[in-house]
């Protein structure tokens, strides 16, 4: 008799409550992970600034090479 009193609520919990709880838990975690954290945003800005600086350096280097070695862009033999 005692087993039936405990067994039925446990089965109901495992079949109905636990799956809903798990789904809601992971939906909440998924939604919170979709957005960037402040640290991620800061890192993205730093990477963007580094890429811009690299682009300017490459353009400057290409101008110097164009002036001093105009044939540098031509493929080799």
PDB file of N, CA and C in Angstrom:
ATOM      1  N   UNK A   1       0.823  -1.194   0.000  1.00  0.00           N
ATOM      2  CA  UNK A   1       0.000   0.000   0.000  1.00  0.00           C
ATOM      3  C   UNK A   1       0.872   1.265   0.000  1.00  0.00           C
ATOM      4  N   UNK A   2       1.919   1.278   0.854  1.00  0.00           N
ATOM      5  CA  UNK A   2       2.810   2.436   0.922  1.00  0.00           C
ATOM      6  C   UNK A   2       3.537   2.648  -0.406  1.00  0.00           C
ATOM      7  N   UNK A   3       3.910   1.569  -1.061  1.00  0.00           N
ATOM      8  CA  UNK A   3       4.603   1.674  -2.342  1.00  0.00           C
ATOM      9  C   UNK A   3       3.719   2.334  -3.388  1.00  0.00           C
ATOM     10  N   UNK A   4       2.455   2.063  -3.398  1.00  0.00           N
ATOM     11  CA  UNK A   4       1.541   2.676  -4.358  1.00  0.00           C
ATOM     12  C   UNK A   4       1.403   4.166  -4.097  1.00  0.00           C
ATOM     13  N   UNK A   5       1.402   4.560  -2.843  1.00  0.00           N
ATOM     14  CA  UNK A   5       1.273   5.977  -2.483  1.00  0.00           C
ATOM     15  C   UNK A   5       2.515   6.753  -2.939  1.00  0.00           C
ATOM     16  N   UNK A   6       3.671   6.152  -2.842  1.00  0.00           N
ATOM     17  CA  UNK A   6       4.911   6.811  -3.249  1.00  0.00           C
ATOM     18  C   UNK A   6       5.150   6.632  -4.750  1.00  0.00           C
ATOM     19  N   UNK A   7       4.839   5.482  -5.275  1.00  0.00           N
ATOM     20  CA  UNK A   7       5.136   5.134  -6.663  1.00  0.00           C
ATOM     21  C   UNK A   7       4.371   6.012  -7.656  1.00  0.00           C
ATOM     22  N   UNK A   8       3.100   6.236  -7.427  1.00  0.00           N
ATOM     23  CA  UNK A   8       2.280   7.022  -8.362  1.00  0.00           C
ATOM     24  C   UNK A   8       2.771   8.458  -8.476  1.00  0.00           C
ATOM     25  N   UNK A   9       3.011   9.190  -7.376  1.00  0.00           N
ATOM     26  CA  UNK A   9       3.533  10.566  -7.536  1.00  0.00           C
ATOM     27  C   UNK A   9       4.916  10.613  -8.195  1.00  0.00           C
ATOM     28  N   UNK A  10       5.749   9.622  -7.920  1.00  0.00           N
ATOM     29  CA  UNK A  10       7.068   9.601  -8.539  1.00  0.00           C
ATOM     30  C   UNK A  10       6.940   9.412 -10.046  1.00  0.00           C
ATOM     31  N   UNK A  11       6.086   8.523 -10.483  1.00  0.00           N
ATOM     32  CA  UNK A  11       5.868   8.298 -11.908  1.00  0.00           C
ATOM     33  C   UNK A  11       5.294   9.550 -12.568  1.00  0.00           C
ATOM     34  N   UNK A  12       4.325  10.184 -11.918  1.00  0.00           N
ATOM     35  CA  UNK A  12       3.747  11.422 -12.458  1.00  0.00           C
ATOM     36  C   UNK A  12       4.827  12.498 -12.591  1.00  0.00           C
ATOM     37  N   UNK A  13       5.670  12.604 -11.561  1.00  0.00           N
ATOM     38  CA  UNK A  13       6.754  13.584 -11.613  1.00  0.00           C
ATOM     39  C   UNK A  13       7.698  13.288 -12.771  1.00  0.00           C
ATOM     40  N   UNK A  14       8.101  12.037 -12.915  1.00  0.00           N
ATOM     41  CA  UNK A  14       9.061  11.676 -13.960  1.00  0.00           C
ATOM     42  C   UNK A  14       8.485  11.792 -15.365  1.00  0.00           C
ATOM     43  N   UNK A  15       7.193  11.568 -15.516  1.00  0.00           N
ATOM     44  CA  UNK A  15       6.582  11.576 -16.843  1.00  0.00           C
ATOM     45  C   UNK A  15       6.129  12.977 -17.263  1.00  0.00           C
ATOM     46  N   UNK A  16       5.678  13.788 -16.320  1.00  0.00           N
ATOM     47  CA  UNK A  16       5.102  15.089 -16.674  1.00  0.00           C
ATOM     48  C   UNK A  16       5.986  16.258 -16.228  1.00  0.00           C
ATOM     49  N   UNK A  17       6.295  16.324 -14.951  1.00  0.00           N
ATOM     50  CA  UNK A  17       6.966  17.502 -14.400  1.00  0.00           C
ATOM     51  C   UNK A  17       8.428  17.591 -14.840  1.00  0.00           C
ATOM     52  N   UNK A  18       9.169  16.503 -14.728  1.00  0.00           N
ATOM     53  CA  UNK A  18      10.604  16.541 -15.047  1.00  0.00           C
ATOM     54  C   UNK A  18      10.876  16.942 -16.503  1.00  0.00           C
ATOM     55  N   UNK A  19      10.190  16.378 -17.497  1.00  0.00           N
ATOM     56  CA  UNK A  19      10.468  16.810 -18.880  1.00  0.00           C
ATOM     57  C   UNK A  19      10.153  18.290 -19.112  1.00  0.00           C
ATOM     58  N   UNK A  20       9.036  18.770 -18.561  1.00  0.00           N
ATOM     59  CA  UNK A  20       8.692  20.188 -18.721  1.00  0.00           C
ATOM     60  C   UNK A  20       9.748  21.058 -18.055  1.00  0.00           C
ATOM     61  N   UNK A  21      10.181  20.657 -16.872  1.00  0.00           N
ATOM     62  CA  UNK A  21      11.197  21.387 -16.132  1.00  0.00           C
ATOM     63  C   UNK A  21      12.504  21.441 -16.948  1.00  0.00           C
ATOM     64  N   UNK A  22      12.909  20.317 -17.496  1.00  0.00           N
ATOM     65  CA  UNK A  22      14.132  20.291 -18.296  1.00  0.00           C
ATOM     66  C   UNK A  22      14.023  21.165 -19.544  1.00  0.00           C
ATOM     67  N   UNK A  23      12.917  21.089 -20.234  1.00  0.00           N
ATOM     68  CA  UNK A  23      12.725  21.899 -21.445  1.00  0.00           C
ATOM     69  C   UNK A  23      12.775  23.379 -21.097  1.00  0.00           C
ATOM     70  N   UNK A  24      12.062  23.779 -20.070  1.00  0.00           N
ATOM     71  CA  UNK A  24      12.064  25.193 -19.674  1.00  0.00           C
ATOM     72  C   UNK A  24      13.451  25.642 -19.228  1.00  0.00           C
ATOM     73  N   UNK A  25      14.160  24.793 -18.529  1.00  0.00           N
ATOM     74  CA  UNK A  25      15.508  25.127 -18.080  1.00  0.00           C
ATOM     75  C   UNK A  25      16.426  25.390 -19.275  1.00  0.00           C
ATOM     76  N   UNK A  26      16.428  24.479 -20.248  1.00  0.00           N
ATOM     77  CA  UNK A  26      17.324  24.646 -21.392  1.00  0.00           C
ATOM     78  C   UNK A  26      16.878  25.751 -22.334  1.00  0.00           C
ATOM     79  N   UNK A  27      15.587  26.019 -22.425  1.00  0.00           N
ATOM     80  CA  UNK A  27      15.119  27.158 -23.224  1.00  0.00           C
ATOM     81  C   UNK A  27      15.630  28.452 -22.599  1.00  0.00           C
ATOM     82  N   UNK A  28      15.578  28.552 -21.290  1.00  0.00           N
ATOM     83  CA  UNK A  28      16.074  29.736 -20.590  1.00  0.00           C
ATOM     84  C   UNK A  28      17.575  29.900 -20.799  1.00  0.00           C
ATOM     85  N   UNK A  29      18.315  28.825 -20.685  1.00  0.00           N
ATOM     86  CA  UNK A  29      19.770  28.897 -20.899  1.00  0.00           C
ATOM     87  C   UNK A  29      20.090  29.266 -22.337  1.00  0.00           C
ATOM     88  N   UNK A  30      19.332  28.726 -23.298  1.00  0.00           N
ATOM     89  CA  UNK A  30      19.562  29.027 -24.699  1.00  0.00           C
ATOM     90  C   UNK A  30      19.316  30.511 -24.978  1.00  0.00           C
ATOM     91  N   UNK A  31      18.243  31.046 -24.413  1.00  0.00           N
ATOM     92  CA  UNK A  31      17.937  32.468 -24.621  1.00  0.00           C
ATOM     93  C   UNK A  31      19.008  33.357 -24.018  1.00  0.00           C
ATOM     94  N   UNK A  32      19.506  33.003 -22.854  1.00  0.00           N
ATOM     95  CA  UNK A  32      20.531  33.839 -22.231  1.00  0.00           C
ATOM     96  C   UNK A  32      21.858  33.733 -22.970  1.00  0.00           C
ATOM     97  N   UNK A  33      22.133  32.631 -23.622  1.00  0.00           N
ATOM     98  CA  UNK A  33      23.402  32.488 -24.334  1.00  0.00           C
ATOM     99  C   UNK A  33      23.345  33.069 -25.743  1.00  0.00           C
ATOM    100  N   UNK A  34      22.162  33.437 -26.225  1.00  0.00           N
ATOM    101  CA  UNK A  34      22.061  34.028 -27.572  1.00  0.00           C
ATOM    102  C   UNK A  34      22.667  35.411 -27.623  1.00  0.00           C
ATOM    103  N   UNK A  35      22.664  36.125 -26.525  1.00  0.00           N
ATOM    104  CA  UNK A  35      23.187  37.485 -26.509  1.00  0.00           C
ATOM    105  C   UNK A  35      24.653  37.470 -26.082  1.00  0.00           C
ATOM    106  N   UNK A  36      25.377  38.482 -26.501  1.00  0.00           N
ATOM    107  CA  UNK A  36      26.780  38.600 -26.126  1.00  0.00           C
ATOM    108  C   UNK A  36      26.904  39.214 -24.746  1.00  0.00           C
ATOM    109  N   UNK A  37      27.843  38.727 -23.991  1.00  0.00           N
ATOM    110  CA  UNK A  37      28.120  39.326 -22.693  1.00  0.00           C
ATOM    111  C   UNK A  37      28.911  40.616 -22.916  1.00  0.00           C
ATOM    112  N   UNK A  38      29.034  41.409 -21.880  1.00  0.00           N
ATOM    113  CA  UNK A  38      29.803  42.657 -21.994  1.00  0.00           C
ATOM    114  C   UNK A  38      31.254  42.360 -22.360  1.00  0.00           C
ATOM    115  N   UNK A  39      31.790  41.297 -21.791  1.00  0.00           N
ATOM    116  CA  UNK A  39      33.163  40.915 -22.091  1.00  0.00           C
ATOM    117  C   UNK A  39      33.304  40.511 -23.556  1.00  0.00           C
ATOM    118  N   UNK A  40      32.327  39.777 -24.072  1.00  0.00           N
ATOM    119  CA  UNK A  40      32.351  39.380 -25.484  1.00  0.00           C
ATOM    120  C   UNK A  40      32.245  40.593 -26.394  1.00  0.00           C
ATOM    121  N   UNK A  41      31.382  41.545 -26.037  1.00  0.00           N
ATOM    122  CA  UNK A  41      31.245  42.760 -26.837  1.00  0.00           C
ATOM    123  C   UNK A  41      32.552  43.546 -26.852  1.00  0.00           C
ATOM    124  N   UNK A  42      33.204  43.651 -25.688  1.00  0.00           N
ATOM    125  CA  UNK A  42      34.465  44.384 -25.593  1.00  0.00           C
ATOM    126  C   UNK A  42      35.543  43.701 -26.449  1.00  0.00           C
ATOM    127  N   UNK A  43      35.590  42.369 -26.393  1.00  0.00           N
ATOM    128  CA  UNK A  43      36.555  41.624 -27.181  1.00  0.00           C
ATOM    129  C   UNK A  43      36.289  41.822 -28.676  1.00  0.00           C
ATOM    130  N   UNK A  44      35.024  41.842 -29.075  1.00  0.00           N
ATOM    131  CA  UNK A  44      34.674  42.046 -30.475  1.00  0.00           C
ATOM    132  C   UNK A  44      35.107  43.431 -30.945  1.00  0.00           C
ATOM    133  N   UNK A  45      34.911  44.440 -30.112  1.00  0.00           N
ATOM    134  CA  UNK A  45      35.340  45.798 -30.456  1.00  0.00           C
ATOM    135  C   UNK A  45      36.859  45.853 -30.583  1.00  0.00           C
ATOM    136  N   UNK A  46      37.564  45.204 -29.647  1.00  0.00           N
ATOM    137  CA  UNK A  46      39.034  45.180 -29.717  1.00  0.00           C
ATOM    138  C   UNK A  46      39.516  44.495 -30.990  1.00  0.00           C
ATOM    139  N   UNK A  47      38.882  43.392 -31.346  1.00  0.00           N
ATOM    140  CA  UNK A  47      39.263  42.688 -32.578  1.00  0.00           C
ATOM    141  C   UNK A  47      38.996  43.541 -33.808  1.00  0.00           C
ATOM    142  N   UNK A  48      37.875  44.242 -33.804  1.00  0.00           N
ATOM    143  CA  UNK A  48      37.538  45.123 -34.934  1.00  0.00           C
ATOM    144  C   UNK A  48      38.582  46.226 -35.081  1.00  0.00           C
ATOM    145  N   UNK A  49      38.968  46.829 -33.954  1.00  0.00           N
ATOM    146  CA  UNK A  49      39.976  47.884 -33.996  1.00  0.00           C
ATOM    147  C   UNK A  49      41.325  47.337 -34.466  1.00  0.00           C
ATOM    148  N   UNK A  50      41.690  46.152 -34.019  1.00  0.00           N
ATOM    149  CA  UNK A  50      42.950  45.540 -34.463  1.00  0.00           C
ATOM    150  C   UNK A  50      42.921  45.261 -35.960  1.00  0.00           C
ATOM    151  N   UNK A  51      41.790  44.786 -36.455  1.00  0.00           N
ATOM    152  CA  UNK A  51      41.668  44.511 -37.887  1.00  0.00           C
ATOM    153  C   UNK A  51      41.795  45.801 -38.699  1.00  0.00           C
ATOM    154  N   UNK A  52      41.207  46.876 -38.219  1.00  0.00           N
ATOM    155  CA  UNK A  52      41.310  48.158 -38.929  1.00  0.00           C
ATOM    156  C   UNK A  52      42.761  48.638 -38.960  1.00  0.00           C
ATOM    157  N   UNK A  53      43.465  48.513 -37.812  1.00  0.00           N
ATOM    158  CA  UNK A  53      44.872  48.922 -37.775  1.00  0.00           C
ATOM    159  C   UNK A  53      45.715  48.068 -38.721  1.00  0.00           C
ATOM    160  N   UNK A  54      45.449  46.769 -38.747  1.00  0.00           N
ATOM    161  CA  UNK A  54      46.183  45.887 -39.665  1.00  0.00           C
ATOM    162  C   UNK A  54      45.918  46.260 -41.115  1.00  0.00           C
ATOM    163  N   UNK A  55      44.666  46.572 -41.417  1.00  0.00           N
ATOM    164  CA  UNK A  55      44.316  46.958 -42.785  1.00  0.00           C
ATOM    165  C   UNK A  55      45.087  48.210 -43.203  1.00  0.00           C
ATOM    166  N   UNK A  56      45.170  49.207 -42.304  1.00  0.00           N
ATOM    167  CA  UNK A  56      45.930  50.425 -42.613  1.00  0.00           C
ATOM    168  C   UNK A  56      47.407  50.117 -42.807  1.00  0.00           C
ATOM    169  N   UNK A  57      47.952  49.234 -41.982  1.00  0.00           N
ATOM    170  CA  UNK A  57      49.357  48.864 -42.121  1.00  0.00           C
ATOM    171  C   UNK A  57      49.621  48.156 -43.447  1.00  0.00           C
ATOM    172  N   UNK A  58      48.732  47.291 -43.835  1.00  0.00           N
ATOM    173  CA  UNK A  58      48.894  46.573 -45.108  1.00  0.00           C
ATOM    174  C   UNK A  58      48.815  47.546 -46.276  1.00  0.00           C
ATOM    175  N   UNK A  59      47.865  48.479 -46.208  1.00  0.00           N
ATOM    176  CA  UNK A  59      47.757  49.479 -47.280  1.00  0.00           C
ATOM    177  C   UNK A  59      49.034  50.314 -47.369  1.00  0.00           C
ATOM    178  N   UNK A  60      49.574  50.702 -46.219  1.00  0.00           N
ATOM    179  CA  UNK A  60      50.811  51.473 -46.206  1.00  0.00           C
ATOM    180  C   UNK A  60      51.960  50.659 -46.792  1.00  0.00           C
ATOM    181  N   UNK A  61      52.056  49.404 -46.391  1.00  0.00           N
ATOM    182  CA  UNK A  61      53.102  48.528 -46.920  1.00  0.00           C
ATOM    183  C   UNK A  61      52.968  48.355 -48.432  1.00  0.00           C
ATOM    184  N   UNK A  62      51.756  48.197 -48.922  1.00  0.00           N
ATOM    185  CA  UNK A  62      51.539  48.056 -50.365  1.00  0.00           C
ATOM    186  C   UNK A  62      51.951  49.325 -51.107  1.00  0.00           C
ATOM    187  N   UNK A  63      51.662  50.493 -50.537  1.00  0.00           N
ATOM    188  CA  UNK A  63      52.076  51.751 -51.172  1.00  0.00           C
ATOM    189  C   UNK A  63      53.594  51.839 -51.252  1.00  0.00           C
ATOM    190  N   UNK A  64      54.275  51.446 -50.159  1.00  0.00           N
ATOM    191  CA  UNK A  64      55.740  51.473 -50.155  1.00  0.00           C
ATOM    192  C   UNK A  64      56.286  50.508 -51.199  1.00  0.00           C
ATOM    193  N   UNK A  65      55.728  49.290 -51.236  1.00  0.00           N
ATOM    194  CA  UNK A  65      56.188  48.312 -52.229  1.00  0.00           C
ATOM    195  C   UNK A  65      55.901  48.767 -53.651  1.00  0.00           C
ATOM    196  N   UNK A  66      54.742  49.399 -53.874  1.00  0.00           N
ATOM    197  CA  UNK A  66      54.428  49.915 -55.220  1.00  0.00           C
ATOM    198  C   UNK A  66      55.449  50.960 -55.657  1.00  0.00           C
ATOM    199  N   UNK A  67      55.877  51.792 -54.706  1.00  0.00           N
ATOM    200  CA  UNK A  67      56.833  52.847 -55.045  1.00  0.00           C
ATOM    201  C   UNK A  67      58.240  52.287 -55.255  1.00  0.00           C
ATOM    202  N   UNK A  68      58.645  51.317 -54.444  1.00  0.00           N
ATOM    203  CA  UNK A  68      60.030  50.841 -54.501  1.00  0.00           C
ATOM    204  C   UNK A  68      60.222  49.608 -55.373  1.00  0.00           C
ATOM    205  N   UNK A  69      59.209  48.805 -55.532  1.00  0.00           N
ATOM    206  CA  UNK A  69      59.315  47.587 -56.341  1.00  0.00           C
ATOM    207  C   UNK A  69      57.997  47.373 -57.078  1.00  0.00           C
ATOM    208  N   UNK A  70      57.748  48.107 -58.156  1.00  0.00           N
ATOM    209  CA  UNK A  70      56.449  48.055 -58.840  1.00  0.00           C
ATOM    210  C   UNK A  70      56.084  46.668 -59.359  1.00  0.00           C
ATOM    211  N   UNK A  71      57.048  45.802 -59.558  1.00  0.00           N
ATOM    212  CA  UNK A  71      56.763  44.475 -60.102  1.00  0.00           C
ATOM    213  C   UNK A  71      56.396  43.458 -59.018  1.00  0.00           C
ATOM    214  N   UNK A  72      56.309  43.843 -57.788  1.00  0.00           N
ATOM    215  CA  UNK A  72      56.066  42.875 -56.693  1.00  0.00           C
ATOM    216  C   UNK A  72      54.715  42.171 -56.804  1.00  0.00           C
ATOM    217  N   UNK A  73      53.746  42.781 -57.469  1.00  0.00           N
ATOM    218  CA  UNK A  73      52.417  42.163 -57.593  1.00  0.00           C
ATOM    219  C   UNK A  73      52.339  41.114 -58.708  1.00  0.00           C
ATOM    220  N   UNK A  74      53.298  41.150 -59.611  1.00  0.00           N
ATOM    221  CA  UNK A  74      53.266  40.220 -60.735  1.00  0.00           C
ATOM    222  C   UNK A  74      53.631  38.822 -60.249  1.00  0.00           C
ATOM    223  N   UNK A  75      52.923  37.818 -60.772  1.00  0.00           N
ATOM    224  CA  UNK A  75      53.278  36.442 -60.391  1.00  0.00           C
ATOM    225  C   UNK A  75      54.662  36.075 -60.904  1.00  0.00           C
ATOM    226  N   UNK A  76      55.294  35.192 -60.193  1.00  0.00           N
ATOM    227  CA  UNK A  76      56.647  34.752 -60.566  1.00  0.00           C
ATOM    228  C   UNK A  76      56.626  33.864 -61.809  1.00  0.00           C
ATOM    229  N   UNK A  77      57.805  33.397 -62.196  1.00  0.00           N
ATOM    230  CA  UNK A  77      57.931  32.595 -63.436  1.00  0.00           C
ATOM    231  C   UNK A  77      57.221  31.271 -63.378  1.00  0.00           C
TER     232      UNK A  77
END
